Protein backbone atom coordinates (compact mmCIF):
# COMPACT_ATOMS: atom_id res chain seq x y z
CA VAL A 1 -13.07 -16.86 5.46
CA ARG A 2 -11.37 -15.36 8.51
CA ARG A 3 -9.75 -12.67 6.35
CA LEU A 4 -13.04 -11.93 4.63
CA LEU A 5 -14.73 -11.50 8.02
CA SER A 6 -11.88 -9.23 9.20
CA PHE A 7 -12.45 -7.13 6.09
CA ALA A 8 -16.15 -6.88 7.04
CA VAL A 9 -15.25 -5.80 10.59
CA GLU A 10 -12.85 -3.13 9.33
CA ARG A 11 -15.56 -1.73 7.06
CA GLY A 12 -18.21 -1.79 9.80
CA TYR A 13 -20.39 -4.57 8.35
CA LEU A 14 -19.77 -6.80 11.40
CA ASP A 15 -19.05 -5.99 15.05
CA ALA A 16 -16.61 -8.86 15.56
CA ASN A 17 -14.94 -11.64 13.62
CA PRO A 18 -16.18 -14.94 15.06
CA LEU A 19 -13.25 -16.80 13.48
CA LEU A 20 -10.50 -14.54 14.82
CA ARG A 21 -9.40 -17.00 17.53
CA VAL A 22 -9.90 -20.18 15.49
CA LYS A 23 -6.48 -21.76 14.98
CA MET A 24 -5.20 -21.97 11.44
CA LEU A 25 -4.30 -25.31 9.92
CA ASN A 26 -0.59 -25.96 10.25
CA VAL A 27 0.31 -25.18 6.65
CA PRO A 28 3.93 -24.11 6.29
CA VAL A 29 4.20 -20.61 4.87
CA SER A 30 7.43 -19.52 3.32
CA HIS A 31 8.28 -15.92 4.18
CA VAL A 32 10.85 -14.29 1.96
CA THR A 33 13.85 -12.99 3.91
CA TRP A 34 14.27 -9.27 3.31
CA SER A 35 17.58 -8.35 1.65
CA GLN A 36 19.52 -5.18 2.39
CA ASP A 37 18.22 -3.79 -0.90
CA ASP A 38 14.64 -4.56 0.17
CA CYS A 39 15.22 -2.73 3.45
CA ASP A 40 16.73 0.26 1.65
CA ARG A 41 13.77 0.38 -0.77
CA PHE A 42 11.22 0.22 2.03
CA GLU A 43 12.93 2.97 4.02
CA ALA A 44 13.23 5.14 0.88
CA SER A 45 9.47 4.76 0.23
CA ASN A 46 8.87 7.27 3.03
CA PRO A 47 6.53 5.10 5.11
CA PRO A 48 4.34 6.79 7.74
CA GLU A 49 5.91 6.88 11.22
CA PRO A 50 3.94 3.94 12.68
CA LEU A 51 4.95 1.68 9.80
CA LEU A 52 8.58 2.75 9.91
CA THR A 53 8.68 2.31 13.69
CA ALA A 54 7.21 -1.19 13.46
CA TYR A 55 9.61 -2.02 10.62
CA MET A 56 12.61 -0.84 12.66
CA LEU A 57 11.47 -2.82 15.71
CA GLY A 58 10.81 -5.92 13.60
CA ARG A 59 14.08 -5.69 11.74
CA TYR A 60 16.30 -5.09 14.74
CA THR A 61 14.56 -7.22 17.40
CA GLY A 62 13.44 -10.17 15.27
CA GLN A 63 10.01 -10.26 16.88
CA ARG A 64 6.65 -11.17 15.39
CA ARG A 65 4.23 -8.47 14.27
CA GLY A 66 1.89 -8.93 17.26
CA ASP A 67 4.78 -8.67 19.72
CA VAL A 68 6.13 -5.56 18.00
CA LEU A 69 2.70 -3.92 18.20
CA ARG A 70 2.57 -4.65 21.95
CA MET A 71 6.07 -3.34 22.73
CA SER A 72 5.84 -0.62 25.36
CA ARG A 73 8.21 2.12 26.35
CA SER A 74 8.13 0.99 29.97
CA ARG A 75 9.90 -2.25 28.96
CA TYR A 76 12.74 -0.42 27.18
CA ASP A 77 15.64 1.00 29.16
CA GLY A 78 17.74 2.33 26.30
CA LEU A 79 19.93 -0.76 26.40
CA GLY A 80 17.34 -3.36 25.53
CA PHE A 81 13.76 -4.57 25.49
CA GLU A 82 12.12 -6.84 28.00
CA LEU A 83 9.13 -8.74 26.66
CA VAL A 84 7.10 -11.92 26.82
CA GLN A 85 6.25 -13.32 23.41
CA GLY A 86 2.55 -13.68 22.75
CA LYS A 87 2.78 -16.91 20.78
CA THR A 88 5.17 -18.86 22.99
CA GLY A 89 5.11 -17.07 26.35
CA GLU A 90 8.90 -16.93 26.11
CA ALA A 91 10.42 -14.19 28.31
CA LEU A 92 13.17 -12.33 26.45
CA TRP A 93 15.60 -9.49 26.93
CA ILE A 94 16.77 -8.15 23.56
CA PRO A 95 19.73 -5.77 23.35
CA THR A 96 19.13 -2.63 21.33
CA HIS A 97 20.89 -2.29 17.99
CA SER A 98 22.60 1.12 17.71
CA ARG A 99 20.54 2.11 14.65
CA LEU A 100 17.29 1.20 16.41
CA LYS A 101 18.34 3.09 19.54
CA ALA A 102 19.04 6.26 17.54
CA TYR A 103 15.67 5.95 15.80
CA LEU A 104 13.70 5.35 19.02
CA ASP A 105 15.49 8.12 20.91
CA ALA A 106 14.32 10.59 18.26
CA LEU A 107 10.62 9.68 18.62
CA PRO A 108 8.24 11.74 20.77
CA ALA A 109 8.05 10.35 24.31
CA ASP A 110 4.31 10.86 24.79
CA ARG A 111 3.06 7.34 23.99
CA LEU A 112 2.89 4.18 26.04
CA LEU A 113 3.35 1.92 23.01
CA TRP A 114 5.96 2.40 20.32
CA VAL A 115 3.56 1.75 17.44
CA VAL A 116 0.17 3.47 17.53
CA MET A 117 -2.33 4.73 14.98
CA ALA A 118 -2.64 8.46 14.27
CA SER A 119 -5.47 8.58 16.83
CA GLY A 120 -3.12 7.22 19.50
CA ALA A 121 -4.98 3.91 19.68
CA PRO A 122 -3.09 0.62 19.45
CA TRP A 123 -3.10 -1.27 16.17
CA ARG A 124 -4.86 -4.59 15.74
CA PRO A 125 -2.37 -6.98 14.11
CA ASP A 126 -4.63 -7.80 11.16
CA SER A 127 -5.37 -4.14 10.41
CA PHE A 128 -1.71 -3.28 10.69
CA GLY A 129 -0.85 -6.16 8.36
CA HIS A 130 -3.12 -4.79 5.64
CA VAL A 131 -1.65 -1.29 5.89
CA PHE A 132 1.91 -2.64 5.99
CA ALA A 133 1.21 -4.75 2.90
CA ARG A 134 -0.01 -1.67 1.02
CA GLN A 135 3.21 0.15 1.92
CA THR A 136 5.42 -2.73 0.82
CA SER A 137 3.49 -2.89 -2.47
CA ALA A 138 3.96 0.84 -2.96
CA ALA A 139 7.70 0.31 -2.45
CA GLY A 140 7.72 -2.45 -5.08
CA LEU A 141 8.06 -5.18 -2.45
CA SER A 142 4.68 -6.87 -2.75
CA ASP A 143 6.13 -10.32 -2.03
CA ARG A 144 7.66 -9.18 1.28
CA SER A 145 5.85 -9.68 4.57
CA PHE A 146 6.45 -8.30 8.04
CA HIS A 147 7.45 -11.79 9.16
CA GLY A 148 10.26 -11.71 6.60
CA LEU A 149 11.90 -9.09 8.84
CA ARG A 150 12.14 -11.78 11.54
CA HIS A 151 14.06 -13.90 9.03
CA ARG A 152 16.24 -10.86 8.22
CA ALA A 153 17.07 -10.30 11.90
CA ALA A 154 18.02 -13.96 12.43
CA THR A 155 20.12 -13.92 9.27
CA GLU A 156 21.95 -10.76 10.35
CA LEU A 157 22.65 -12.30 13.76
CA ALA A 158 24.11 -15.40 12.09
CA ASP A 159 26.15 -13.25 9.70
CA ALA A 160 27.52 -11.36 12.73
CA GLY A 161 28.83 -14.64 14.14
CA CYS A 162 26.10 -15.49 16.63
CA ASP A 163 25.55 -19.20 17.19
CA ASP A 164 22.14 -20.90 17.33
CA ARG A 165 21.82 -20.39 21.10
CA ASP A 166 22.56 -16.67 20.80
CA ILE A 167 19.94 -16.32 18.07
CA MET A 168 17.40 -18.36 20.05
CA ALA A 169 17.91 -16.06 23.04
CA ILE A 170 16.86 -13.07 20.92
CA THR A 171 14.22 -14.51 18.59
CA GLY A 172 12.68 -16.80 21.20
CA HIS A 173 12.91 -19.89 19.02
CA ARG A 174 13.01 -23.07 21.08
CA THR A 175 14.92 -25.34 18.69
CA ALA A 176 18.08 -25.04 16.65
CA SER A 177 16.28 -26.63 13.69
CA MET A 178 13.84 -23.70 13.61
CA VAL A 179 16.71 -21.22 13.81
CA LYS A 180 18.29 -22.96 10.83
CA ARG A 181 15.09 -22.37 8.81
CA TYR A 182 15.33 -18.66 9.64
CA THR A 183 19.04 -18.36 8.92
CA ALA A 184 19.13 -20.34 5.68
CA LYS A 185 20.25 -17.20 3.78
CA ALA A 186 23.11 -16.45 6.20
């Protein structure tokens, strides 16, 4: 029902979604970890700049969609990102991957947030999710979600030799058991 009401808000039938802040039931959702081939296919699909920027931030920082959409330039010093996660309130400093740094350094420096709509306005996470899903479908990746990039980042950290504590320091997970769920493909 919440998604249906969000659809109505996006189309102008409602002013606000009264269920937007109602907590979801704790039903485990399995997010497919993106493979290198998935990442290559998405990048080759020529996504619009906001989607590619969010993808790059998600892939190389391991953060949730909402946190990626709130990332600001003022919290990035070229070496890393400073942020407080929206879901957990966890304060993090995330070092910048060299590929992400090269990508971000090439972007225009006239925005406060990294990911904005063409109008310059910030994205709402649900609206962004719909647009991102259309792009993944167009790339032949309809079963991939933005959250799967968080799994990809954790997996790449584990593959690089990081231990659970190292991964927790970047992803913001509070338990090693949760990290193990994210790094199952490592």
